[in-house]
Amino acid sequence: MGLFRKTPAPPPLSRAEALACIPVRNHAIQASQTPEGMVRLRYPLILKPWIAELAQRFRSAPDTPPSRQLELDELGSLTWGLIDGRRTVRAIVRQFCRQTQVHPKEAEAAVTRFLRELGRRGIIGMAIGGHGKAD
């Protein structure tokens, strides 16, 4: 009986395919700048349905979904500014490298880790199939 079978996960992307993806900002994210010039992101909290129902019952403003804030440091703010929906991950890494004078391998590791964390929180998504033209 196949009622409870999980859909198989897609195969992982190769490094080249992952670097060719284009990070896209979630439109529900509110970005603002702190007095220090850093970026502060406000994003909706994604809750499991039963937790959302419980939270709805005890919330004072029922129409306001729960949200979280994330304040980015200098390098995170720089990377956030490079996410424009046209640049590939590879192009973002190159620009990050130019602006920070960080070794390319370190820049790639830092940027991809940061983008993965933003994706995990639902702050960005990845469009597959960029061709690396937007440097």
Protein backbone atom coordinates (compact mmCIF):
# COMPACT_ATOMS: atom_id res chain seq x y z
CA MET A 1 0.00 0.00 0.00
CA GLY A 2 1.56 3.28 -1.11
CA LEU A 3 -0.38 5.79 1.00
CA PHE A 4 2.49 6.64 3.32
CA ARG A 5 5.40 6.54 0.92
CA LYS A 6 7.49 9.64 0.84
CA THR A 7 8.31 11.23 -2.47
CA PRO A 8 11.95 10.48 -3.23
CA ALA A 9 14.25 13.45 -2.79
CA PRO A 10 15.74 14.83 -5.98
CA PRO A 11 19.38 13.90 -6.54
CA PRO A 12 21.82 16.42 -5.07
CA LEU A 13 23.24 19.03 -7.43
CA SER A 14 26.85 18.88 -8.48
CA ARG A 15 29.12 21.70 -7.34
CA ALA A 16 28.99 23.29 -10.81
CA GLU A 17 25.18 23.06 -10.90
CA ALA A 18 24.89 24.55 -7.41
CA LEU A 19 27.18 27.47 -8.31
CA ALA A 20 25.05 28.09 -11.43
CA CYS A 21 21.86 28.53 -9.35
CA ILE A 22 20.41 32.00 -8.87
CA PRO A 23 19.42 33.02 -5.32
CA VAL A 24 16.05 34.79 -5.27
CA ARG A 25 14.73 36.79 -2.31
CA ASN A 26 11.43 35.79 -0.77
CA HIS A 27 8.95 38.64 -1.36
CA ALA A 28 7.55 38.24 2.16
CA ILE A 29 10.87 39.36 3.67
CA GLN A 30 11.15 42.89 5.03
CA ALA A 31 14.70 44.25 4.94
CA SER A 32 15.75 47.38 6.78
CA GLN A 33 19.03 49.01 7.67
CA THR A 34 20.27 49.42 11.24
CA PRO A 35 21.87 52.70 12.38
CA GLU A 36 25.24 50.92 12.05
CA GLY A 37 24.56 50.21 8.36
CA MET A 38 23.85 46.49 8.74
CA VAL A 39 20.84 44.71 7.27
CA ARG A 40 17.99 43.51 9.49
CA LEU A 41 15.62 40.94 7.99
CA ARG A 42 12.11 40.28 9.28
CA TYR A 43 10.67 37.03 7.99
CA PRO A 44 7.53 35.00 8.67
CA LEU A 45 7.96 32.07 10.99
CA ILE A 46 6.94 28.81 9.35
CA LEU A 47 5.08 26.66 11.84
CA LYS A 48 3.73 23.15 11.68
CA PRO A 49 -0.06 23.25 11.18
CA TRP A 50 -0.96 22.14 14.71
CA ILE A 51 1.45 24.66 16.27
CA ALA A 52 0.10 27.42 14.00
CA GLU A 53 -3.45 26.65 15.14
CA LEU A 54 -2.40 26.76 18.79
CA ALA A 55 -0.51 30.04 18.27
CA GLN A 56 -3.54 31.50 16.48
CA ARG A 57 -5.72 30.88 19.53
CA PHE A 58 -3.38 32.67 21.94
CA ARG A 59 -2.19 35.52 19.72
CA SER A 60 -3.52 39.00 20.51
CA ALA A 61 -3.64 40.10 16.84
CA PRO A 62 -5.03 37.08 14.97
CA ASP A 63 -4.27 38.43 11.47
CA THR A 64 -0.58 39.00 12.17
CA PRO A 65 1.49 35.91 11.41
CA PRO A 66 4.38 35.20 13.79
CA SER A 67 7.71 36.48 12.53
CA ARG A 68 11.39 36.49 13.43
CA GLN A 69 14.22 38.95 12.96
CA LEU A 70 17.73 38.30 11.78
CA GLU A 71 20.39 40.98 11.95
CA LEU A 72 23.22 40.36 9.51
CA ASP A 73 26.85 41.21 10.18
CA GLU A 74 28.99 43.19 7.73
CA LEU A 75 29.75 40.22 5.45
CA GLY A 76 26.17 38.96 5.58
CA SER A 77 24.90 42.44 4.72
CA LEU A 78 27.32 42.59 1.78
CA THR A 79 26.15 39.21 0.52
CA TRP A 80 22.48 40.15 0.97
CA GLY A 81 23.09 43.22 -1.19
CA LEU A 82 24.51 41.02 -3.95
CA ILE A 83 21.36 38.87 -4.15
CA ASP A 84 19.42 40.52 -6.97
CA GLY A 85 17.64 37.61 -8.66
CA ARG A 86 20.00 37.74 -11.66
CA ARG A 87 23.43 36.88 -10.26
CA THR A 88 24.39 33.25 -9.92
CA VAL A 89 25.98 31.92 -6.75
CA ARG A 90 29.28 31.85 -8.67
CA ALA A 91 28.95 35.56 -9.56
CA ILE A 92 28.08 36.44 -5.96
CA VAL A 93 31.15 34.55 -4.72
CA ARG A 94 33.39 36.37 -7.23
CA GLN A 95 32.03 39.80 -6.27
CA PHE A 96 32.28 38.95 -2.56
CA CYS A 97 35.88 37.90 -3.14
CA ARG A 98 36.68 41.19 -4.94
CA GLN A 99 35.11 43.34 -2.26
CA THR A 100 36.54 41.56 0.78
CA GLN A 101 39.95 40.36 -0.47
CA VAL A 102 39.16 36.89 0.91
CA HIS A 103 40.72 33.80 -0.71
CA PRO A 104 38.32 32.41 -3.38
CA LYS A 105 37.91 29.01 -1.66
CA GLU A 106 37.12 30.69 1.68
CA ALA A 107 34.71 33.08 -0.04
CA GLU A 108 32.92 30.19 -1.74
CA ALA A 109 32.60 28.28 1.53
CA ALA A 110 31.35 31.32 3.47
CA VAL A 111 28.87 32.51 0.84
CA THR A 112 27.42 29.06 0.13
CA ARG A 113 27.04 28.35 3.87
CA PHE A 114 25.29 31.71 4.33
CA LEU A 115 22.97 31.13 1.35
CA ARG A 116 22.15 27.63 2.61
CA GLU A 117 21.16 29.06 6.00
CA LEU A 118 18.98 31.75 4.38
CA GLY A 119 17.33 29.03 2.28
CA ARG A 120 16.74 26.84 5.33
CA ARG A 121 14.89 29.75 6.97
CA GLY A 122 12.81 30.42 3.84
CA ILE A 123 14.40 33.84 3.29
CA ILE A 124 15.64 32.97 -0.20
CA GLY A 125 14.95 30.33 -2.81
CA MET A 126 17.19 29.03 -5.58
CA ALA A 127 16.38 29.15 -9.28
CA ILE A 128 18.13 26.34 -11.08
CA GLY A 129 19.74 26.85 -14.46
CA GLY A 130 21.68 30.11 -14.37
CA HIS A 131 24.44 30.45 -16.92
CA GLY A 132 26.84 32.68 -14.99
CA LYS A 133 26.43 35.67 -17.35
CA ALA A 134 25.61 38.25 -14.61
CA ASP A 135 28.99 39.07 -13.08
